[in-house]
C-alpha atoms as a PDB file:
ATOM      1  CA  MET A   1     108.586 108.823  31.141  1.00  0.00           C
ATOM      2  CA  HIS A   2     108.566 110.987  34.271  1.00  0.00           C
ATOM      3  CA  ASN A   3     108.220 114.449  35.197  1.00  0.00           C
ATOM      4  CA  SER A   4     112.044 114.762  35.361  1.00  0.00           C
ATOM      5  CA  SER A   5     112.492 113.915  31.887  1.00  0.00           C
ATOM      6  CA  LYS A   6     109.158 114.629  29.881  1.00  0.00           C
ATOM      7  CA  THR A   7     109.035 117.587  27.686  1.00  0.00           C
ATOM      8  CA  PHE A   8     105.835 119.017  28.397  1.00  0.00           C
ATOM      9  CA  THR A   9     103.382 120.899  26.106  1.00  0.00           C
ATOM     10  CA  ASP A  10     101.904 124.535  27.133  1.00  0.00           C
ATOM     11  CA  PRO A  11      98.514 123.414  28.544  1.00  0.00           C
ATOM     12  CA  ASP A  12      97.201 126.376  26.459  1.00  0.00           C
ATOM     13  CA  ALA A  13      97.888 124.926  23.048  1.00  0.00           C
ATOM     14  CA  ILE A  14      96.427 121.881  23.983  1.00  0.00           C
ATOM     15  CA  THR A  15      93.021 121.177  22.094  1.00  0.00           C
ATOM     16  CA  GLN A  16      90.118 118.629  22.455  1.00  0.00           C
ATOM     17  CA  ALA A  17      91.237 117.031  19.388  1.00  0.00           C
ATOM     18  CA  ASP A  18      94.954 116.326  21.004  1.00  0.00           C
ATOM     19  CA  ILE A  19      93.233 114.842  23.811  1.00  0.00           C
ATOM     20  CA  VAL A  20      91.088 112.050  21.880  1.00  0.00           C
ATOM     21  CA  ASP A  21      93.530 111.908  18.942  1.00  0.00           C
ATOM     22  CA  PRO A  22      93.528 108.190  18.230  1.00  0.00           C
ATOM     23  CA  GLN A  23      97.356 107.946  17.617  1.00  0.00           C
ATOM     24  CA  GLU A  24      98.013 109.902  20.754  1.00  0.00           C
ATOM     25  CA  VAL A  25      95.866 107.297  22.845  1.00  0.00           C
ATOM     26  CA  GLU A  26      97.506 104.423  21.059  1.00  0.00           C
ATOM     27  CA  ARG A  27     101.138 105.733  22.042  1.00  0.00           C
ATOM     28  CA  THR A  28     100.266 104.881  25.600  1.00  0.00           C
ATOM     29  CA  TRP A  29      99.227 101.365  24.973  1.00  0.00           C
ATOM     30  CA  GLN A  30     102.561 100.532  22.521  1.00  0.00           C
ATOM     31  CA  ALA A  31     104.826 101.952  25.487  1.00  0.00           C
ATOM     32  CA  ALA A  32     102.887  99.984  28.325  1.00  0.00           C
ATOM     33  CA  LEU A  33     104.810  97.990  30.861  1.00  0.00           C
ATOM     34  CA  VAL A  34     104.059  94.386  30.347  1.00  0.00           C
ATOM     35  CA  ARG A  35     104.456  91.880  33.042  1.00  0.00           C
ATOM     36  CA  VAL A  36     103.219  88.318  33.321  1.00  0.00           C
ATOM     37  CA  PRO A  37     103.347  85.524  35.722  1.00  0.00           C
ATOM     38  CA  THR A  38     105.903  82.892  35.508  1.00  0.00           C
ATOM     39  CA  GLY A  39     105.263  80.862  38.375  1.00  0.00           C
ATOM     40  CA  LEU A  40     103.890  80.956  42.067  1.00  0.00           C
ATOM     41  CA  GLY A  41     104.913  84.409  43.497  1.00  0.00           C
ATOM     42  CA  ARG A  42     107.080  84.945  40.104  1.00  0.00           C
ATOM     43  CA  SER A  43     106.856  87.245  37.234  1.00  0.00           C
ATOM     44  CA  GLN A  44     108.574  88.755  34.584  1.00  0.00           C
ATOM     45  CA  ARG A  45     108.712  91.640  32.217  1.00  0.00           C
ATOM     46  CA  THR A  46     107.658  90.962  28.451  1.00  0.00           C
ATOM     47  CA  THR A  47     105.963  92.430  25.174  1.00  0.00           C
ATOM     48  CA  PHE A  48     102.929  91.886  23.620  1.00  0.00           C
ATOM     49  CA  GLU A  49     104.687  90.379  20.710  1.00  0.00           C
ATOM     50  CA  ASP A  50     106.191  87.657  23.233  1.00  0.00           C
ATOM     51  CA  LEU A  51     102.808  87.042  24.846  1.00  0.00           C
ATOM     52  CA  ALA A  52     101.377  86.454  21.224  1.00  0.00           C
ATOM     53  CA  ALA A  53     104.198  84.040  20.444  1.00  0.00           C
ATOM     54  CA  GLN A  54     103.635  81.950  23.567  1.00  0.00           C
ATOM     55  CA  TYR A  55      99.632  82.293  24.389  1.00  0.00           C
ATOM     56  CA  GLY A  56      98.336  83.558  21.058  1.00  0.00           C
ATOM     57  CA  ASP A  57      96.487  80.383  20.824  1.00  0.00           C
ATOM     58  CA  GLY A  58      94.125  81.319  23.732  1.00  0.00           C
ATOM     59  CA  SER A  59      95.191  78.043  25.571  1.00  0.00           C
ATOM     60  CA  ARG A  60      95.671  80.200  28.792  1.00  0.00           C
ATOM     61  CA  LYS A  61      93.615  82.923  29.997  1.00  0.00           C
ATOM     62  CA  PHE A  62      95.001  85.451  32.465  1.00  0.00           C
ATOM     63  CA  PRO A  63      93.229  87.336  34.671  1.00  0.00           C
ATOM     64  CA  VAL A  64      94.272  91.170  33.529  1.00  0.00           C
ATOM     65  CA  ALA A  65      95.018  94.294  35.681  1.00  0.00           C
ATOM     66  CA  ILE A  66      95.408  97.579  34.063  1.00  0.00           C
ATOM     67  CA  TYR A  67      97.455  99.543  36.251  1.00  0.00           C
ATOM     68  CA  MET A  68      97.052 103.300  35.799  1.00  0.00           C
ATOM     69  CA  HIS A  69     100.128 105.671  36.970  1.00  0.00           C
ATOM     70  CA  GLY A  70     100.323 108.766  38.812  1.00  0.00           C
ATOM     71  CA  CYS A  71     100.778 112.203  37.969  1.00  0.00           C
ATOM     72  CA  SER A  72     104.435 112.234  37.749  1.00  0.00           C
ATOM     73  CA  GLY A  73     104.729 109.210  35.231  1.00  0.00           C
ATOM     74  CA  ILE A  74     106.280 105.776  35.745  1.00  0.00           C
ATOM     75  CA  TRP A  75     108.944 105.719  38.682  1.00  0.00           C
ATOM     76  CA  ARG A  76     109.975 102.929  40.949  1.00  0.00           C
ATOM     77  CA  GLY A  77     106.622 102.559  42.856  1.00  0.00           C
ATOM     78  CA  THR A  78     104.924 101.771  39.592  1.00  0.00           C
ATOM     79  CA  HIS A  79     107.243  98.831  39.050  1.00  0.00           C
ATOM     80  CA  LEU A  80     106.950  97.445  42.513  1.00  0.00           C
ATOM     81  CA  ARG A  81     103.162  97.779  41.834  1.00  0.00           C
ATOM     82  CA  VAL A  82     103.151  96.135  38.618  1.00  0.00           C
ATOM     83  CA  LYS A  83     105.309  92.913  39.774  1.00  0.00           C
ATOM     84  CA  PHE A  84     102.903  92.699  43.156  1.00  0.00           C
ATOM     85  CA  LEU A  85      99.978  92.470  40.801  1.00  0.00           C
ATOM     86  CA  ALA A  86     102.099  89.929  38.466  1.00  0.00           C
ATOM     87  CA  ASP A  87     103.435  87.798  41.417  1.00  0.00           C
ATOM     88  CA  ASN A  88     100.009  87.619  42.562  1.00  0.00           C
ATOM     89  CA  GLY A  89      98.846  86.077  39.005  1.00  0.00           C
ATOM     90  CA  PHE A  90      97.525  88.987  37.039  1.00  0.00           C
ATOM     91  CA  LEU A  91      98.752  89.850  33.765  1.00  0.00           C
ATOM     92  CA  VAL A  92      99.631  93.495  34.298  1.00  0.00           C
ATOM     93  CA  ILE A  93      99.468  96.275  31.406  1.00  0.00           C
ATOM     94  CA  ALA A  94     100.339  99.898  32.602  1.00  0.00           C
ATOM     95  CA  PRO A  95      99.662 102.050  29.745  1.00  0.00           C
ATOM     96  CA  ALA A  96     101.837 105.136  29.715  1.00  0.00           C
ATOM     97  CA  SER A  97     100.416 108.202  29.423  1.00  0.00           C
ATOM     98  CA  PHE A  98     103.524 110.128  29.102  1.00  0.00           C
ATOM     99  CA  ALA A  99     104.223 108.711  25.723  1.00  0.00           C
ATOM    100  CA  ARG A 100     101.658 111.072  24.293  1.00  0.00           C
ATOM    101  CA  THR A 101     103.614 113.810  22.325  1.00  0.00           C
ATOM    102  CA  VAL A 102     101.358 116.309  23.252  1.00  0.00           C
ATOM    103  CA  TYR A 103     100.792 116.357  26.940  1.00  0.00           C
ATOM    104  CA  ALA A 104     101.374 119.215  29.873  1.00  0.00           C
ATOM    105  CA  GLN A 105     102.478 119.003  33.275  1.00  0.00           C
ATOM    106  CA  SER A 106      99.692 118.402  35.574  1.00  0.00           C
ATOM    107  CA  CYS A 107     101.678 118.277  39.302  1.00  0.00           C
ATOM    108  CA  ASP A 108     104.872 119.118  40.901  1.00  0.00           C
ATOM    109  CA  PRO A 109     105.474 116.129  43.514  1.00  0.00           C
ATOM    110  CA  SER A 110     108.397 118.138  45.248  1.00  0.00           C
ATOM    111  CA  ARG A 111     105.691 120.656  46.622  1.00  0.00           C
ATOM    112  CA  HIS A 112     102.642 118.521  46.524  1.00  0.00           C
ATOM    113  CA  GLU A 113     100.913 120.489  43.783  1.00  0.00           C
ATOM    114  CA  GLY A 114      98.604 119.351  41.793  1.00  0.00           C
ATOM    115  CA  SER A 115      95.565 120.773  39.637  1.00  0.00           C
ATOM    116  CA  MET A 116      98.328 122.029  36.905  1.00  0.00           C
ATOM    117  CA  PHE A 117      96.397 120.963  34.059  1.00  0.00           C
ATOM    118  CA  ARG A 118      92.604 120.430  34.321  1.00  0.00           C
ATOM    119  CA  ASP A 119      92.049 118.274  31.413  1.00  0.00           C
ATOM    120  CA  VAL A 120      94.667 115.765  31.902  1.00  0.00           C
ATOM    121  CA  ILE A 121      91.847 113.451  33.430  1.00  0.00           C
ATOM    122  CA  LYS A 122      89.903 113.368  29.952  1.00  0.00           C
ATOM    123  CA  MET A 123      93.552 112.343  28.652  1.00  0.00           C
ATOM    124  CA  ARG A 124      93.887 109.801  31.394  1.00  0.00           C
ATOM    125  CA  LYS A 125      90.510 108.252  31.029  1.00  0.00           C
ATOM    126  CA  MET A 126      90.738 107.866  26.862  1.00  0.00           C
ATOM    127  CA  ASP A 127      94.061 106.035  27.711  1.00  0.00           C
ATOM    128  CA  ALA A 128      92.283 103.652  30.578  1.00  0.00           C
ATOM    129  CA  GLY A 129      89.441 102.932  28.246  1.00  0.00           C
ATOM    130  CA  HIS A 130      91.709 102.203  25.377  1.00  0.00           C
ATOM    131  CA  ALA A 131      93.597  99.924  27.178  1.00  0.00           C
ATOM    132  CA  ILE A 132      90.855  97.859  28.557  1.00  0.00           C
ATOM    133  CA  GLU A 133      88.982  97.304  25.304  1.00  0.00           C
ATOM    134  CA  LEU A 134      92.306  96.134  23.829  1.00  0.00           C
ATOM    135  CA  ALA A 135      93.146  94.162  26.767  1.00  0.00           C
ATOM    136  CA  LYS A 136      89.614  92.278  26.751  1.00  0.00           C
ATOM    137  CA  SER A 137      90.449  91.480  23.266  1.00  0.00           C
ATOM    138  CA  LEU A 138      93.505  89.607  23.562  1.00  0.00           C
ATOM    139  CA  PRO A 139      93.262  85.705  23.274  1.00  0.00           C
ATOM    140  CA  TYR A 140      95.125  85.330  26.510  1.00  0.00           C
ATOM    141  CA  VAL A 141      93.014  87.473  28.657  1.00  0.00           C
ATOM    142  CA  ASP A 142      89.966  86.271  30.666  1.00  0.00           C
ATOM    143  CA  PRO A 143      87.777  89.162  29.683  1.00  0.00           C
ATOM    144  CA  GLU A 144      85.425  88.348  32.623  1.00  0.00           C
ATOM    145  CA  ASN A 145      88.437  88.820  35.183  1.00  0.00           C
ATOM    146  CA  VAL A 146      89.602  92.553  34.511  1.00  0.00           C
ATOM    147  CA  LEU A 147      90.849  94.642  37.298  1.00  0.00           C
ATOM    148  CA  LEU A 148      91.477  98.679  36.885  1.00  0.00           C
ATOM    149  CA  ILE A 149      93.827  99.816  39.545  1.00  0.00           C
ATOM    150  CA  GLY A 150      95.585 103.273  40.175  1.00  0.00           C
ATOM    151  CA  LEU A 151      97.631 105.702  42.568  1.00  0.00           C
ATOM    152  CA  SER A 152      96.865 109.129  43.015  1.00  0.00           C
ATOM    153  CA  GLN A 153      95.665 110.864  39.483  1.00  0.00           C
ATOM    154  CA  GLY A 154      95.704 107.029  38.167  1.00  0.00           C
ATOM    155  CA  GLY A 155      93.173 106.548  41.258  1.00  0.00           C
ATOM    156  CA  VAL A 156      91.187 109.481  40.042  1.00  0.00           C
ATOM    157  CA  THR A 157      91.329 107.916  36.485  1.00  0.00           C
ATOM    158  CA  THR A 158      90.034 104.377  38.285  1.00  0.00           C
ATOM    159  CA  ALA A 159      87.218 106.180  39.713  1.00  0.00           C
ATOM    160  CA  LYS A 160      86.387 108.099  37.184  1.00  0.00           C
ATOM    161  CA  HIS A 161      86.288 105.714  34.471  1.00  0.00           C
ATOM    162  CA  THR A 162      83.070 105.618  32.655  1.00  0.00           C
ATOM    163  CA  VAL A 163      81.754 101.983  31.293  1.00  0.00           C
ATOM    164  CA  PHE A 164      79.685 103.075  27.874  1.00  0.00           C
ATOM    165  CA  ASN A 165      79.919  99.489  26.427  1.00  0.00           C
ATOM    166  CA  GLU A 166      80.759  96.095  27.593  1.00  0.00           C
ATOM    167  CA  ARG A 167      84.328  96.017  26.006  1.00  0.00           C
ATOM    168  CA  ARG A 168      85.364  98.831  28.557  1.00  0.00           C
ATOM    169  CA  SER A 169      83.650  97.153  31.697  1.00  0.00           C
ATOM    170  CA  VAL A 170      85.991  95.825  34.536  1.00  0.00           C
ATOM    171  CA  THR A 171      85.234  93.441  37.074  1.00  0.00           C
ATOM    172  CA  ALA A 172      86.815  95.587  40.231  1.00  0.00           C
ATOM    173  CA  ARG A 173      88.459  98.433  40.814  1.00  0.00           C
ATOM    174  CA  VAL A 174      91.411  99.335  43.280  1.00  0.00           C
ATOM    175  CA  ILE A 175      91.911 103.200  44.339  1.00  0.00           C
ATOM    176  CA  GLU A 176      95.056 104.137  46.014  1.00  0.00           C
ATOM    177  CA  GLY A 177      95.837 107.679  47.351  1.00  0.00           C
ATOM    178  CA  TRP A 178      92.650 109.121  46.396  1.00  0.00           C
ATOM    179  CA  THR A 179      89.632 110.610  48.217  1.00  0.00           C
ATOM    180  CA  CYS A 180      86.996 110.970  45.574  1.00  0.00           C
ATOM    181  CA  ASN A 181      86.595 114.764  46.448  1.00  0.00           C
ATOM    182  CA  ALA A 182      87.567 117.570  44.672  1.00  0.00           C
ATOM    183  CA  GLY A 183      87.114 121.391  43.507  1.00  0.00           C
ATOM    184  CA  TRP A 184      86.365 120.153  39.795  1.00  0.00           C
ATOM    185  CA  TYR A 185      83.097 118.314  39.262  1.00  0.00           C
ATOM    186  CA  GLU A 186      84.433 115.851  36.757  1.00  0.00           C
ATOM    187  CA  TYR A 187      86.847 114.702  39.319  1.00  0.00           C
ATOM    188  CA  ILE A 188      84.301 114.059  41.985  1.00  0.00           C
ATOM    189  CA  GLY A 189      83.124 110.402  43.271  1.00  0.00           C
ATOM    190  CA  LEU A 190      82.780 107.431  41.468  1.00  0.00           C
ATOM    191  CA  ASP A 191      81.610 106.397  38.044  1.00  0.00           C
ATOM    192  CA  ALA A 192      81.536 102.449  38.770  1.00  0.00           C
ATOM    193  CA  PRO A 193      78.205 100.497  37.912  1.00  0.00           C
ATOM    194  CA  LYS A 194      76.435  99.639  40.702  1.00  0.00           C
ATOM    195  CA  ASP A 195      77.341  95.960  40.545  1.00  0.00           C
ATOM    196  CA  GLU A 196      81.042  96.547  40.449  1.00  0.00           C
ATOM    197  CA  PRO A 197      82.943  96.247  43.812  1.00  0.00           C
ATOM    198  CA  VAL A 198      85.445  98.958  44.538  1.00  0.00           C
ATOM    199  CA  LEU A 199      88.316  99.187  46.992  1.00  0.00           C
ATOM    200  CA  SER A 200      89.672 102.610  48.016  1.00  0.00           C
ATOM    201  CA  LEU A 201      92.945 103.116  50.328  1.00  0.00           C
ATOM    202  CA  VAL A 202      94.031 106.431  51.499  1.00  0.00           C
ATOM    203  CA  GLY A 203      95.684 107.947  54.888  1.00  0.00           C
ATOM    204  CA  SER A 204      94.027 110.476  56.856  1.00  0.00           C
ATOM    205  CA  LYS A 205      96.539 112.636  56.699  1.00  0.00           C
ATOM    206  CA  ASP A 206      98.218 112.009  53.249  1.00  0.00           C
ATOM    207  CA  PRO A 207      99.734 115.429  52.609  1.00  0.00           C
ATOM    208  CA  TRP A 208      97.984 115.675  48.915  1.00  0.00           C
ATOM    209  CA  TYR A 209      94.707 116.125  50.445  1.00  0.00           C
ATOM    210  CA  GLN A 210      95.088 118.465  53.310  1.00  0.00           C
ATOM    211  CA  ASN A 211      92.297 121.008  52.293  1.00  0.00           C
ATOM    212  CA  GLU A 212      88.608 121.152  52.509  1.00  0.00           C
ATOM    213  CA  ARG A 213      88.211 120.354  48.720  1.00  0.00           C
ATOM    214  CA  ASN A 214      90.098 117.034  48.830  1.00  0.00           C
ATOM    215  CA  GLU A 215      89.709 115.737  52.248  1.00  0.00           C
ATOM    216  CA  GLY A 216      87.847 112.640  53.016  1.00  0.00           C
ATOM    217  CA  ASP A 217      87.697 109.527  51.498  1.00  0.00           C
ATOM    218  CA  CYS A 218      85.219 107.383  48.782  1.00  0.00           C
ATOM    219  CA  TRP A 219      82.855 106.045  51.079  1.00  0.00           C
ATOM    220  CA  GLU A 220      80.009 108.242  50.308  1.00  0.00           C
ATOM    221  CA  ALA A 221      80.208 107.832  46.815  1.00  0.00           C
ATOM    222  CA  MET A 222      80.453 103.637  46.936  1.00  0.00           C
ATOM    223  CA  ASN A 223      77.514 101.269  46.678  1.00  0.00           C
ATOM    224  CA  LYS A 224      77.103 100.115  50.244  1.00  0.00           C
ATOM    225  CA  GLU A 225      75.468  96.396  48.985  1.00  0.00           C
ATOM    226  CA  ASN A 226      77.910  95.049  46.565  1.00  0.00           C
ATOM    227  CA  GLY A 227      81.140  94.715  48.746  1.00  0.00           C
ATOM    228  CA  SER A 228      83.005  98.012  48.177  1.00  0.00           C
ATOM    229  CA  ILE A 229      85.215  98.933  50.815  1.00  0.00           C
ATOM    230  CA  SER A 230      86.993 102.581  51.901  1.00  0.00           C
ATOM    231  CA  ILE A 231      89.593 101.769  54.038  1.00  0.00           C
ATOM    232  CA  VAL A 232      91.072 105.012  55.908  1.00  0.00           C
ATOM    233  CA  TYR A 233      94.139 104.839  57.524  1.00  0.00           C
ATOM    234  CA  ASP A 234      93.972 106.905  60.659  1.00  0.00           C
ATOM    235  CA  THR A 235      97.074 105.978  62.728  1.00  0.00           C
ATOM    236  CA  GLY A 236     100.827 104.781  62.545  1.00  0.00           C
ATOM    237  CA  PRO A 237     102.827 105.384  59.753  1.00  0.00           C
ATOM    238  CA  LEU A 238      99.862 105.000  56.853  1.00  0.00           C
ATOM    239  CA  ALA A 239      98.103 107.983  58.233  1.00  0.00           C
ATOM    240  CA  THR A 240     100.632 110.283  56.494  1.00  0.00           C
ATOM    241  CA  ARG A 241     101.351 108.475  53.662  1.00  0.00           C
ATOM    242  CA  HIS A 242     100.457 108.966  49.862  1.00  0.00           C
ATOM    243  CA  GLU A 243     101.574 105.467  48.589  1.00  0.00           C
ATOM    244  CA  LEU A 244     100.215 103.047  50.561  1.00  0.00           C
ATOM    245  CA  LEU A 245     100.600  99.431  48.406  1.00  0.00           C
ATOM    246  CA  GLU A 246     104.538  99.351  49.407  1.00  0.00           C
ATOM    247  CA  PHE A 247     103.277  98.059  52.870  1.00  0.00           C
ATOM    248  CA  LYS A 248     102.656  94.297  53.295  1.00  0.00           C
ATOM    249  CA  SER A 249      99.601  94.909  55.707  1.00  0.00           C
ATOM    250  CA  VAL A 250      98.041  97.034  52.658  1.00  0.00           C
ATOM    251  CA  GLN A 251      98.864  94.174  49.962  1.00  0.00           C
ATOM    252  CA  LYS A 252      97.417  91.875  52.024  1.00  0.00           C
ATOM    253  CA  THR A 253      93.957  93.645  52.528  1.00  0.00           C
ATOM    254  CA  THR A 254      93.989  94.458  48.382  1.00  0.00           C
ATOM    255  CA  LEU A 255      94.281  90.525  47.944  1.00  0.00           C
ATOM    256  CA  GLU A 256      91.774  89.790  50.252  1.00  0.00           C
ATOM    257  CA  PHE A 257      89.211  92.018  48.393  1.00  0.00           C
ATOM    258  CA  LEU A 258      90.193  90.845  45.120  1.00  0.00           C
ATOM    259  CA  HIS A 259      90.025  86.988  45.831  1.00  0.00           C
ATOM    260  CA  LYS A 260      86.704  87.877  47.183  1.00  0.00           C
ATOM    261  CA  HIS A 261      85.580  89.511  44.061  1.00  0.00           C
ATOM    262  CA  MET A 262      87.645  87.992  41.115  1.00  0.00           C
ATOM    263  CA  ASN A 263      88.430  84.442  39.898  1.00  0.00           C
ATOM    264  CA  LEU A 264      92.225  84.657  40.545  1.00  0.00           C
ATOM    265  CA  PRO A 265      94.891  82.072  40.980  1.00  0.00           C
ATOM    266  CA  LEU A 266      95.646  80.942  44.451  1.00  0.00           C
ATOM    267  CA  ASN A 267      98.801  82.600  45.808  1.00  0.00           C
ATOM    268  CA  ALA A 268     101.882  81.425  47.773  1.00  0.00           C
ATOM    269  CA  VAL A 269     100.160  82.206  50.895  1.00  0.00           C
ATOM    270  CA  GLN A 270      96.920  80.394  50.091  1.00  0.00           C
ATOM    271  CA  VAL A 271      98.699  77.145  48.983  1.00  0.00           C
ATOM    272  CA  GLN A 272     100.979  77.284  52.262  1.00  0.00           C
ATOM    273  CA  ARG A 273      97.765  77.572  54.129  1.00  0.00           C
ATOM    274  CA  ILE A 274      95.592  74.872  52.398  1.00  0.00           C
ATOM    275  CA  LEU A 275      98.706  72.434  52.631  1.00  0.00           C
ATOM    276  CA  THR A 276      99.246  73.417  56.389  1.00  0.00           C
ATOM    277  CA  ASP A 277      95.371  72.866  57.136  1.00  0.00           C
ATOM    278  CA  GLN A 278      95.598  69.230  55.433  1.00  0.00           C
ATOM    279  CA  GLY A 279      98.376  68.389  57.720  1.00  0.00           C
ATOM    280  CA  TYR A 280     101.606  68.965  55.766  1.00  0.00           C
ATOM    281  CA  ASP A 281     104.422  71.357  56.516  1.00  0.00           C
ATOM    282  CA  PRO A 282     105.132  73.406  54.047  1.00  0.00           C
ATOM    283  CA  GLY A 283     107.248  75.783  56.310  1.00  0.00           C
ATOM    284  CA  PRO A 284     106.232  79.412  57.452  1.00  0.00           C
ATOM    285  CA  ILE A 285     103.040  80.609  55.853  1.00  0.00           C
ATOM    286  CA  ASP A 286     105.188  83.460  54.417  1.00  0.00           C
ATOM    287  CA  GLY A 287     104.405  83.901  50.728  1.00  0.00           C
ATOM    288  CA  ILE A 288     108.062  82.684  49.727  1.00  0.00           C
ATOM    289  CA  TRP A 289     107.899  79.356  47.687  1.00  0.00           C
ATOM    290  CA  GLY A 290     110.979  77.159  48.310  1.00  0.00           C
ATOM    291  CA  GLN A 291     111.746  73.320  48.421  1.00  0.00           C
ATOM    292  CA  LYS A 292     110.076  72.700  51.577  1.00  0.00           C
ATOM    293  CA  SER A 293     106.392  74.080  50.211  1.00  0.00           C
ATOM    294  CA  LEU A 294     107.420  72.240  47.293  1.00  0.00           C
ATOM    295  CA  ALA A 295     108.020  68.814  49.114  1.00  0.00           C
ATOM    296  CA  ALA A 296     104.837  69.276  50.906  1.00  0.00           C
ATOM    297  CA  LEU A 297     102.632  69.698  47.856  1.00  0.00           C
ATOM    298  CA  ASN A 298     104.398  66.566  46.130  1.00  0.00           C
ATOM    299  CA  GLU A 299     103.350  64.679  49.540  1.00  0.00           C
ATOM    300  CA  LEU A 300      99.782  65.743  48.823  1.00  0.00           C
ATOM    301  CA  ARG A 301      99.808  64.785  45.206  1.00  0.00           C
ATOM    302  CA  ALA A 302     101.530  61.244  46.129  1.00  0.00           C
ATOM    303  CA  GLU A 303      98.675  60.283  48.803  1.00  0.00           C
ATOM    304  CA  ARG A 304      96.429  60.981  45.534  1.00  0.00           C
ATOM    305  CA  SER A 305      98.548  58.967  43.130  1.00  0.00           C
ATOM    306  CA  LEU A 306      99.546  61.878  41.318  1.00  0.00           C
ATOM    307  CA  PRO A 307     102.983  62.353  40.020  1.00  0.00           C
ATOM    308  CA  PRO A 308     105.526  64.613  41.367  1.00  0.00           C
ATOM    309  CA  VAL A 309     105.811  68.399  39.944  1.00  0.00           C
ATOM    310  CA  ALA A 310     108.968  70.290  39.730  1.00  0.00           C
ATOM    311  CA  ASP A 311     106.802  73.705  40.332  1.00  0.00           C
ATOM    312  CA  PHE A 312     103.584  74.690  41.131  1.00  0.00           C
ATOM    313  CA  GLU A 313     101.301  74.330  37.913  1.00  0.00           C
ATOM    314  CA  ALA A 314      98.061  74.084  36.392  1.00  0.00           C
ATOM    315  CA  SER A 315      96.991  70.613  37.873  1.00  0.00           C
ATOM    316  CA  SER A 316      98.252  71.525  41.548  1.00  0.00           C
ATOM    317  CA  GLN A 317      96.426  74.778  41.227  1.00  0.00           C
ATOM    318  CA  GLU A 318      93.330  72.731  40.406  1.00  0.00           C
ATOM    319  CA  LEU A 319      93.725  70.167  43.189  1.00  0.00           C
ATOM    320  CA  LEU A 320      94.271  72.824  45.857  1.00  0.00           C
ATOM    321  CA  LYS A 321      91.363  75.034  44.605  1.00  0.00           C
ATOM    322  CA  ASN A 322      89.001  71.818  44.746  1.00  0.00           C
ATOM    323  CA  LEU A 323      90.366  71.294  48.206  1.00  0.00           C
ATOM    324  CA  LEU A 324      89.588  74.613  49.037  1.00  0.00           C
ATOM    325  CA  ARG A 325      86.161  74.394  47.703  1.00  0.00           C
ATOM    326  CA  ARG A 326      85.294  71.330  49.929  1.00  0.00           C
ATOM    327  CA  GLU A 327      86.528  73.136  52.752  1.00  0.00           C
ATOM    328  CA  ASN A 328      84.055  76.110  52.319  1.00  0.00           C
END
């Protein structure tokens, strides 16, 4: 589902009824990429059917990330971001807007040309809201722990998602590769409620935004008192990048923001750091969970008269979270 393979509709033939058509919107949910955590730093592709079979009793609740792809559809970078989020504890659902049968081309990445179909943002917002509402109704999703995140046009969608009711509310937003500035009024600014923190990430020389209409960043539109952050990379290779979450430093910044504002499971780096602080040797604090890290965890468990484990599981998660709370 990409520009290179999609048969597009003539923009002049698309009506408002097409934009809001429930069947068209539902197609984006049915075609969504879905990925679930399977252990510390691990995840796998899955389906809603498999999730219902394994977690339909509601015994486990995942934080959920609704990931909105960019204007050219699903590509290698989409899968990279979905995996990054799932490896760090999110159930990730990435609705596929290109699954709509009535859909116009909105950009040409080869020329950094956007603004080819103005009403695409209405479609993307419909798809995002629908995904949020359905995700929050799933028995294995924590409805109080919802992230909306997107790249480029998906970042615009994330910024402009409007919360009409609690069913479509989110806990936090992450905007990658968007400035919150545009020539069209409905693309400008943020529509996040005042108590909802937002992280925006953009390169100062992003090749998509080198004009006076799009230049800048999201800071002016943000609530300055709720923990929102606008990061502009103005030096080094990140300054000229559109896609930023490929970089470990950006991933680290993003995870720090999310752990501050959401109730997330500990990731491998945090677990290794806690074990090190407690006097154990899990090996380097590199986010790679191996036998040495597991041995250090089992040393800690043994000293607390707990049985050894073959992997990092729920009881160990709770044990280390309690240690972290005491330190703080």
